[in-house]
């Protein structure tokens, strides 16, 4: 009688593949429910963080000219859109097309403590940077201590 029996439900490779599937599911839907257009597969990919001045949104937009990008704020929502046309040179035909082309649009909800109406944007080396300052009323301020 063998010491160990091999069973399909105890196959270590299968168990690792199931674990990988579960982890991918967790990263795609971190709280177990759909969060809208976010995460892997959304374009452009975004990093959003807060610094001393406010909110910073970094969007990867390689190959887009700055004048082909639009950044708009509506109420507490930031809208980023753009268009890229890729056509082979005149007289040539495409052998392989791996670079995406066409239009994209992405929106991001901005928390109320940030003033989306005062947002500023710049694009350098394929990274669109949008800075959204804190509202004046939520900025920390120094209070002078007076003698009584």
N, C-alpha and C. Protein backbone atom coordinates (compact mmCIF):
# COMPACT_ATOMS: atom_id res chain seq x y z
N UNK A 1 0.85 -1.17 0.00
CA UNK A 1 0.00 0.00 0.00
C UNK A 1 0.90 1.24 0.00
N UNK A 2 0.65 2.17 -0.92
CA UNK A 2 1.50 3.36 -0.98
C UNK A 2 1.26 4.26 0.23
N UNK A 3 2.33 4.94 0.60
CA UNK A 3 2.24 5.87 1.72
C UNK A 3 1.41 7.10 1.38
N UNK A 4 1.58 7.57 0.15
CA UNK A 4 0.83 8.74 -0.31
C UNK A 4 -0.01 8.35 -1.50
N UNK A 5 -1.22 8.82 -1.53
CA UNK A 5 -2.06 8.57 -2.69
C UNK A 5 -2.19 9.87 -3.49
N UNK A 6 -2.18 9.73 -4.78
CA UNK A 6 -2.30 10.89 -5.64
C UNK A 6 -3.75 11.02 -6.05
N UNK A 7 -4.32 12.18 -5.74
CA UNK A 7 -5.72 12.43 -6.09
C UNK A 7 -5.78 13.73 -6.86
N UNK A 8 -6.68 13.84 -7.82
CA UNK A 8 -6.78 15.05 -8.63
C UNK A 8 -7.13 16.26 -7.78
N UNK A 9 -7.91 16.08 -6.74
CA UNK A 9 -8.27 17.23 -5.91
C UNK A 9 -7.14 17.63 -4.97
N UNK A 10 -6.07 16.86 -4.93
CA UNK A 10 -4.92 17.20 -4.08
C UNK A 10 -3.68 17.47 -4.92
N UNK A 11 -3.86 17.66 -6.21
CA UNK A 11 -2.74 17.94 -7.12
C UNK A 11 -2.17 19.33 -6.79
N UNK A 12 -0.88 19.43 -6.43
CA UNK A 12 -0.33 20.72 -6.03
C UNK A 12 -0.36 21.77 -7.15
N UNK A 13 -0.16 21.36 -8.38
CA UNK A 13 -0.20 22.32 -9.48
C UNK A 13 -1.61 22.88 -9.65
N UNK A 14 -2.59 22.00 -9.59
CA UNK A 14 -3.97 22.44 -9.69
C UNK A 14 -4.32 23.39 -8.55
N UNK A 15 -3.85 23.08 -7.36
CA UNK A 15 -4.12 23.95 -6.20
C UNK A 15 -3.48 25.32 -6.40
N UNK A 16 -2.27 25.36 -6.94
CA UNK A 16 -1.61 26.65 -7.20
C UNK A 16 -2.35 27.45 -8.27
N UNK A 17 -2.83 26.78 -9.30
CA UNK A 17 -3.59 27.47 -10.34
C UNK A 17 -4.91 28.04 -9.78
N UNK A 18 -5.58 27.27 -8.92
CA UNK A 18 -6.80 27.78 -8.30
C UNK A 18 -6.50 28.97 -7.40
N UNK A 19 -5.37 28.90 -6.66
CA UNK A 19 -4.96 30.03 -5.81
C UNK A 19 -4.68 31.26 -6.65
N UNK A 20 -4.00 31.08 -7.77
CA UNK A 20 -3.71 32.21 -8.66
C UNK A 20 -5.00 32.83 -9.18
N UNK A 21 -5.96 32.01 -9.57
CA UNK A 21 -7.25 32.53 -10.03
C UNK A 21 -7.95 33.33 -8.93
N UNK A 22 -7.92 32.83 -7.71
CA UNK A 22 -8.57 33.54 -6.59
C UNK A 22 -7.89 34.87 -6.32
N UNK A 23 -6.54 34.88 -6.35
CA UNK A 23 -5.80 36.13 -6.12
C UNK A 23 -6.09 37.15 -7.22
N UNK A 24 -6.14 36.72 -8.46
CA UNK A 24 -6.47 37.64 -9.56
C UNK A 24 -7.86 38.21 -9.35
N UNK A 25 -8.79 37.40 -8.92
CA UNK A 25 -10.15 37.87 -8.66
C UNK A 25 -10.15 38.93 -7.55
N UNK A 26 -9.36 38.70 -6.50
CA UNK A 26 -9.29 39.65 -5.39
C UNK A 26 -8.72 40.98 -5.87
N UNK A 27 -7.68 40.96 -6.70
CA UNK A 27 -7.08 42.20 -7.18
C UNK A 27 -7.98 42.93 -8.17
N UNK A 28 -8.77 42.19 -8.94
CA UNK A 28 -9.68 42.83 -9.88
C UNK A 28 -10.88 43.44 -9.15
N UNK A 29 -11.35 42.80 -8.11
CA UNK A 29 -12.49 43.27 -7.33
C UNK A 29 -12.10 43.20 -5.86
N UNK A 30 -11.34 44.19 -5.37
CA UNK A 30 -10.73 44.09 -4.05
C UNK A 30 -11.69 43.90 -2.89
N UNK A 31 -12.89 44.42 -2.95
CA UNK A 31 -13.82 44.28 -1.84
C UNK A 31 -14.89 43.24 -2.12
N UNK A 32 -14.70 42.49 -3.20
CA UNK A 32 -15.65 41.44 -3.53
C UNK A 32 -16.80 41.91 -4.41
N UNK A 33 -16.81 43.18 -4.78
CA UNK A 33 -17.85 43.66 -5.67
C UNK A 33 -17.25 44.57 -6.72
N UNK A 34 -17.99 44.80 -7.77
CA UNK A 34 -17.52 45.59 -8.90
C UNK A 34 -17.39 47.05 -8.51
N UNK A 35 -16.23 47.65 -8.80
CA UNK A 35 -16.00 49.05 -8.47
C UNK A 35 -16.09 49.95 -9.69
N UNK A 36 -16.61 49.46 -10.79
CA UNK A 36 -16.73 50.28 -11.99
C UNK A 36 -15.48 50.14 -12.85
N UNK A 37 -15.27 51.10 -13.73
CA UNK A 37 -14.14 51.05 -14.64
C UNK A 37 -12.86 51.39 -13.90
N UNK A 38 -12.25 50.40 -13.34
CA UNK A 38 -11.00 50.60 -12.62
C UNK A 38 -10.26 49.28 -12.62
N UNK A 39 -8.99 49.35 -12.37
CA UNK A 39 -8.21 48.13 -12.28
C UNK A 39 -7.63 47.72 -13.61
N UNK A 40 -7.17 46.49 -13.66
CA UNK A 40 -6.49 45.97 -14.83
C UNK A 40 -7.38 46.06 -16.07
N UNK A 41 -6.82 46.52 -17.17
CA UNK A 41 -7.56 46.59 -18.41
C UNK A 41 -8.17 47.95 -18.68
N UNK A 42 -8.22 48.84 -17.71
CA UNK A 42 -8.75 50.18 -17.93
C UNK A 42 -7.66 51.03 -18.56
N UNK A 43 -8.05 51.91 -19.46
CA UNK A 43 -7.08 52.79 -20.11
C UNK A 43 -7.51 54.23 -19.94
N UNK A 44 -6.63 55.10 -19.64
CA UNK A 44 -5.23 54.84 -19.30
C UNK A 44 -5.11 54.37 -17.86
N UNK A 45 -4.05 53.60 -17.57
CA UNK A 45 -3.84 53.21 -16.18
C UNK A 45 -3.53 54.43 -15.34
N UNK A 46 -4.10 54.49 -14.13
CA UNK A 46 -3.96 55.66 -13.26
C UNK A 46 -3.29 55.29 -11.95
N UNK A 47 -2.52 56.23 -11.43
CA UNK A 47 -2.06 56.21 -10.04
C UNK A 47 -2.58 57.50 -9.43
N UNK A 48 -3.21 57.40 -8.27
CA UNK A 48 -3.77 58.56 -7.60
C UNK A 48 -3.22 58.58 -6.18
N UNK A 49 -2.66 59.71 -5.79
CA UNK A 49 -2.15 59.82 -4.44
C UNK A 49 -2.33 61.24 -3.93
N UNK A 50 -2.17 61.38 -2.63
CA UNK A 50 -2.32 62.67 -1.98
C UNK A 50 -0.96 63.14 -1.49
N UNK A 51 -0.67 64.43 -1.69
CA UNK A 51 0.54 65.01 -1.12
C UNK A 51 0.15 66.22 -0.29
N UNK A 52 1.12 67.04 0.11
CA UNK A 52 0.84 68.20 0.97
C UNK A 52 -0.06 69.23 0.31
N UNK A 53 -0.03 69.30 -1.01
CA UNK A 53 -0.79 70.32 -1.73
C UNK A 53 -2.20 69.87 -2.14
N UNK A 54 -2.40 68.58 -2.27
CA UNK A 54 -3.71 68.10 -2.71
C UNK A 54 -3.63 66.71 -3.28
N UNK A 55 -4.41 66.47 -4.34
CA UNK A 55 -4.50 65.17 -4.98
C UNK A 55 -3.69 65.21 -6.27
N UNK A 56 -2.98 64.14 -6.56
CA UNK A 56 -2.20 64.04 -7.80
C UNK A 56 -2.66 62.80 -8.54
N UNK A 57 -3.02 62.98 -9.81
CA UNK A 57 -3.44 61.89 -10.67
C UNK A 57 -2.39 61.74 -11.76
N UNK A 58 -1.81 60.55 -11.89
CA UNK A 58 -0.85 60.27 -12.95
C UNK A 58 -1.48 59.25 -13.89
N UNK A 59 -1.53 59.60 -15.18
CA UNK A 59 -2.11 58.72 -16.18
C UNK A 59 -1.06 58.41 -17.24
N UNK A 60 -0.91 57.14 -17.57
CA UNK A 60 0.04 56.75 -18.62
C UNK A 60 -0.63 56.92 -19.97
N UNK A 61 -0.08 57.83 -20.78
CA UNK A 61 -0.64 58.10 -22.11
C UNK A 61 0.48 58.13 -23.15
N UNK A 62 1.25 57.04 -23.28
CA UNK A 62 2.36 57.06 -24.24
C UNK A 62 1.87 57.21 -25.67
N UNK A 63 2.57 58.02 -26.43
CA UNK A 63 2.23 58.20 -27.83
C UNK A 63 1.13 59.21 -28.10
N UNK A 64 0.56 59.80 -27.06
CA UNK A 64 -0.47 60.82 -27.24
C UNK A 64 0.19 62.19 -27.20
N UNK A 65 -0.12 63.01 -28.18
CA UNK A 65 0.34 64.40 -28.16
C UNK A 65 -0.48 65.14 -27.11
N UNK A 66 0.13 66.09 -26.39
CA UNK A 66 -0.65 66.83 -25.38
C UNK A 66 -1.91 67.48 -25.93
N UNK A 67 -1.89 67.92 -27.20
CA UNK A 67 -3.09 68.54 -27.76
C UNK A 67 -4.16 67.51 -28.15
N UNK A 68 -3.84 66.21 -28.06
CA UNK A 68 -4.83 65.17 -28.33
C UNK A 68 -5.51 64.69 -27.04
N UNK A 69 -5.15 65.31 -25.90
CA UNK A 69 -5.72 64.94 -24.61
C UNK A 69 -6.63 66.05 -24.11
N UNK A 70 -7.69 65.66 -23.45
CA UNK A 70 -8.60 66.62 -22.82
C UNK A 70 -8.79 66.22 -21.36
N UNK A 71 -8.69 67.22 -20.49
CA UNK A 71 -8.93 67.01 -19.07
C UNK A 71 -10.01 68.01 -18.67
N UNK A 72 -11.06 67.52 -18.05
CA UNK A 72 -12.20 68.36 -17.71
C UNK A 72 -12.68 68.02 -16.30
N UNK A 73 -13.12 69.04 -15.59
CA UNK A 73 -13.72 68.79 -14.27
C UNK A 73 -15.18 69.19 -14.32
N UNK A 74 -16.01 68.31 -13.80
CA UNK A 74 -17.46 68.57 -13.68
C UNK A 74 -17.85 68.22 -12.26
N UNK A 75 -18.26 69.23 -11.54
CA UNK A 75 -18.61 69.03 -10.13
C UNK A 75 -17.43 68.38 -9.42
N UNK A 76 -17.56 67.20 -8.90
CA UNK A 76 -16.46 66.52 -8.22
C UNK A 76 -15.99 65.32 -9.02
N UNK A 77 -15.97 65.48 -10.33
CA UNK A 77 -15.55 64.39 -11.20
C UNK A 77 -14.50 64.90 -12.18
N UNK A 78 -13.44 64.11 -12.37
CA UNK A 78 -12.38 64.44 -13.31
C UNK A 78 -12.55 63.54 -14.53
N UNK A 79 -12.59 64.13 -15.71
CA UNK A 79 -12.75 63.38 -16.95
C UNK A 79 -11.48 63.52 -17.77
N UNK A 80 -10.90 62.40 -18.18
CA UNK A 80 -9.71 62.40 -19.03
C UNK A 80 -10.09 61.67 -20.31
N UNK A 81 -9.86 62.31 -21.45
CA UNK A 81 -10.17 61.67 -22.72
C UNK A 81 -9.10 62.03 -23.74
N UNK A 82 -9.06 61.27 -24.81
CA UNK A 82 -8.08 61.54 -25.85
C UNK A 82 -8.34 60.70 -27.08
N UNK A 83 -7.54 60.99 -28.09
CA UNK A 83 -7.69 60.29 -29.36
C UNK A 83 -6.31 60.10 -29.99
N UNK A 84 -6.04 58.89 -30.47
CA UNK A 84 -4.78 58.61 -31.15
C UNK A 84 -5.10 57.91 -32.46
N UNK A 85 -4.60 58.47 -33.52
CA UNK A 85 -4.74 57.86 -34.83
C UNK A 85 -3.40 57.24 -35.21
N UNK A 86 -3.42 56.00 -35.61
CA UNK A 86 -2.21 55.36 -36.09
C UNK A 86 -2.50 54.80 -37.47
N UNK A 87 -1.77 55.27 -38.42
CA UNK A 87 -1.93 54.81 -39.79
C UNK A 87 -0.54 54.49 -40.34
N UNK A 88 -0.43 53.45 -41.13
CA UNK A 88 0.88 53.15 -41.71
C UNK A 88 1.29 54.28 -42.68
N UNK A 89 2.57 54.45 -42.91
CA UNK A 89 3.01 55.48 -43.85
C UNK A 89 2.37 55.25 -45.22
N UNK A 90 2.28 56.31 -45.98
CA UNK A 90 1.62 56.23 -47.30
C UNK A 90 2.33 55.20 -48.17
N UNK A 91 1.55 54.35 -48.80
CA UNK A 91 2.08 53.33 -49.67
C UNK A 91 2.46 52.04 -48.95
N UNK A 92 2.32 52.02 -47.63
CA UNK A 92 2.67 50.82 -46.86
C UNK A 92 1.40 50.16 -46.33
N UNK A 93 1.51 48.88 -46.04
CA UNK A 93 0.39 48.19 -45.42
C UNK A 93 0.85 47.65 -44.07
N UNK A 94 -0.08 47.47 -43.19
CA UNK A 94 0.26 47.02 -41.84
C UNK A 94 0.63 45.54 -41.85
N UNK A 95 1.72 45.21 -41.22
CA UNK A 95 2.15 43.83 -41.06
C UNK A 95 1.71 43.32 -39.69
N UNK A 96 1.78 44.19 -38.70
CA UNK A 96 1.36 43.86 -37.34
C UNK A 96 0.86 45.14 -36.69
N UNK A 97 -0.27 45.06 -35.96
CA UNK A 97 -0.81 46.22 -35.24
C UNK A 97 -1.03 45.83 -33.80
N UNK A 98 -0.11 46.25 -32.94
CA UNK A 98 -0.23 45.95 -31.52
C UNK A 98 -0.53 47.19 -30.69
N UNK A 99 -0.25 48.37 -31.22
CA UNK A 99 -0.51 49.60 -30.48
C UNK A 99 -1.97 49.98 -30.64
N UNK A 100 -2.59 50.29 -29.51
CA UNK A 100 -4.00 50.67 -29.52
C UNK A 100 -4.16 52.03 -30.21
N UNK A 101 -5.30 52.22 -30.85
CA UNK A 101 -5.61 53.50 -31.47
C UNK A 101 -7.09 53.78 -31.27
N UNK A 102 -7.47 55.00 -31.54
CA UNK A 102 -8.86 55.39 -31.38
C UNK A 102 -9.04 56.31 -30.19
N UNK A 103 -10.26 56.36 -29.67
CA UNK A 103 -10.59 57.27 -28.57
C UNK A 103 -10.70 56.52 -27.25
N UNK A 104 -10.45 57.26 -26.17
CA UNK A 104 -10.65 56.70 -24.84
C UNK A 104 -11.27 57.79 -23.97
N UNK A 105 -11.90 57.37 -22.90
CA UNK A 105 -12.47 58.30 -21.93
C UNK A 105 -12.45 57.60 -20.58
N UNK A 106 -12.02 58.32 -19.57
CA UNK A 106 -11.94 57.76 -18.22
C UNK A 106 -12.38 58.82 -17.23
N UNK A 107 -13.15 58.45 -16.24
CA UNK A 107 -13.60 59.41 -15.22
C UNK A 107 -13.19 58.93 -13.85
N UNK A 108 -13.03 59.89 -12.95
CA UNK A 108 -12.59 59.61 -11.60
C UNK A 108 -13.35 60.53 -10.66
N UNK A 109 -13.95 59.96 -9.63
CA UNK A 109 -14.66 60.74 -8.61
C UNK A 109 -13.65 61.38 -7.68
N UNK A 110 -13.79 62.69 -7.44
CA UNK A 110 -12.87 63.44 -6.59
C UNK A 110 -13.55 63.69 -5.24
N UNK A 111 -12.88 63.35 -4.13
CA UNK A 111 -13.47 63.64 -2.81
C UNK A 111 -13.74 65.14 -2.63
N UNK A 112 -14.72 65.48 -1.83
CA UNK A 112 -15.17 66.87 -1.65
C UNK A 112 -14.11 67.80 -1.06
N UNK A 113 -13.12 67.26 -0.39
CA UNK A 113 -12.10 68.12 0.22
C UNK A 113 -11.15 68.72 -0.82
N UNK A 114 -11.24 68.28 -2.08
CA UNK A 114 -10.39 68.79 -3.15
C UNK A 114 -11.20 69.66 -4.10
N UNK A 115 -10.56 70.70 -4.64
CA UNK A 115 -11.22 71.67 -5.49
C UNK A 115 -10.96 71.34 -6.96
N UNK A 116 -11.81 70.51 -7.57
CA UNK A 116 -11.63 70.07 -8.95
C UNK A 116 -11.66 71.23 -9.93
N UNK A 117 -12.33 72.32 -9.59
CA UNK A 117 -12.41 73.48 -10.49
C UNK A 117 -11.06 74.17 -10.65
N UNK A 118 -10.15 73.96 -9.70
CA UNK A 118 -8.82 74.59 -9.78
C UNK A 118 -7.73 73.61 -10.21
N UNK A 119 -8.10 72.51 -10.80
CA UNK A 119 -7.14 71.49 -11.23
C UNK A 119 -6.25 72.03 -12.35
N UNK A 120 -5.01 71.56 -12.37
CA UNK A 120 -4.06 71.91 -13.44
C UNK A 120 -3.47 70.62 -13.99
N UNK A 121 -3.19 70.62 -15.30
CA UNK A 121 -2.68 69.40 -15.94
C UNK A 121 -1.46 69.72 -16.80
N UNK A 122 -0.58 68.74 -16.88
CA UNK A 122 0.59 68.83 -17.74
C UNK A 122 0.96 67.44 -18.22
N UNK A 123 1.64 67.38 -19.37
CA UNK A 123 2.01 66.08 -19.93
C UNK A 123 3.49 66.12 -20.30
N UNK A 124 4.22 65.10 -19.82
CA UNK A 124 5.65 65.02 -20.12
C UNK A 124 6.06 63.56 -20.17
N UNK A 125 6.77 63.19 -21.20
CA UNK A 125 7.29 61.82 -21.38
C UNK A 125 6.19 60.77 -21.29
N UNK A 126 5.01 61.06 -21.82
CA UNK A 126 3.92 60.09 -21.84
C UNK A 126 3.17 59.93 -20.54
N UNK A 127 3.42 60.82 -19.56
CA UNK A 127 2.70 60.79 -18.29
C UNK A 127 1.91 62.08 -18.15
N UNK A 128 0.60 61.95 -18.07
CA UNK A 128 -0.28 63.09 -17.82
C UNK A 128 -0.38 63.26 -16.31
N UNK A 129 -0.05 64.45 -15.83
CA UNK A 129 -0.11 64.74 -14.39
C UNK A 129 -1.19 65.77 -14.16
N UNK A 130 -2.17 65.43 -13.33
CA UNK A 130 -3.24 66.36 -12.97
C UNK A 130 -3.12 66.61 -11.47
N UNK A 131 -2.99 67.87 -11.11
CA UNK A 131 -2.91 68.26 -9.69
C UNK A 131 -4.20 68.97 -9.30
N UNK A 132 -4.80 68.48 -8.22
CA UNK A 132 -6.06 69.03 -7.75
C UNK A 132 -5.82 69.52 -6.32
N UNK A 133 -5.86 70.84 -6.11
CA UNK A 133 -5.53 71.37 -4.77
C UNK A 133 -6.64 71.11 -3.75
N UNK A 134 -6.23 71.17 -2.48
CA UNK A 134 -7.20 71.11 -1.39
C UNK A 134 -8.05 72.37 -1.41
N UNK A 135 -9.28 72.27 -0.97
CA UNK A 135 -10.10 73.47 -0.81
C UNK A 135 -9.50 74.31 0.31
N UNK A 136 -9.62 75.62 0.20
CA UNK A 136 -9.05 76.52 1.19
C UNK A 136 -9.58 76.25 2.59
N UNK A 137 -10.86 75.92 2.70
CA UNK A 137 -11.45 75.72 4.02
C UNK A 137 -10.95 74.46 4.73
N UNK A 138 -10.36 73.52 3.99
CA UNK A 138 -9.84 72.31 4.63
C UNK A 138 -8.32 72.32 4.78
N UNK A 139 -7.68 73.35 4.23
CA UNK A 139 -6.22 73.45 4.38
C UNK A 139 -5.88 73.75 5.84
N UNK A 140 -4.84 73.10 6.34
CA UNK A 140 -4.43 73.43 7.71
C UNK A 140 -3.89 74.86 7.74
N UNK A 141 -4.16 75.56 8.80
CA UNK A 141 -3.65 76.93 8.93
C UNK A 141 -3.10 77.12 10.33
N UNK A 142 -2.12 77.97 10.40
CA UNK A 142 -1.50 78.27 11.68
C UNK A 142 -2.36 79.27 12.43
N UNK A 143 -2.61 79.01 13.68
CA UNK A 143 -3.39 79.91 14.52
C UNK A 143 -2.45 80.57 15.52
N UNK A 144 -2.47 81.88 15.48
CA UNK A 144 -1.57 82.63 16.36
C UNK A 144 -2.08 82.56 17.80
N UNK A 145 -1.17 82.34 18.73
CA UNK A 145 -1.50 82.30 20.14
C UNK A 145 -1.19 83.69 20.70
N UNK A 146 -2.19 84.34 21.27
CA UNK A 146 -2.03 85.69 21.81
C UNK A 146 -1.97 85.64 23.34
N UNK A 147 -1.33 86.62 23.89
CA UNK A 147 -1.32 86.70 25.35
C UNK A 147 -2.61 87.37 25.81
N UNK A 148 -3.13 86.95 26.95
CA UNK A 148 -4.38 87.54 27.43
C UNK A 148 -4.14 88.65 28.41
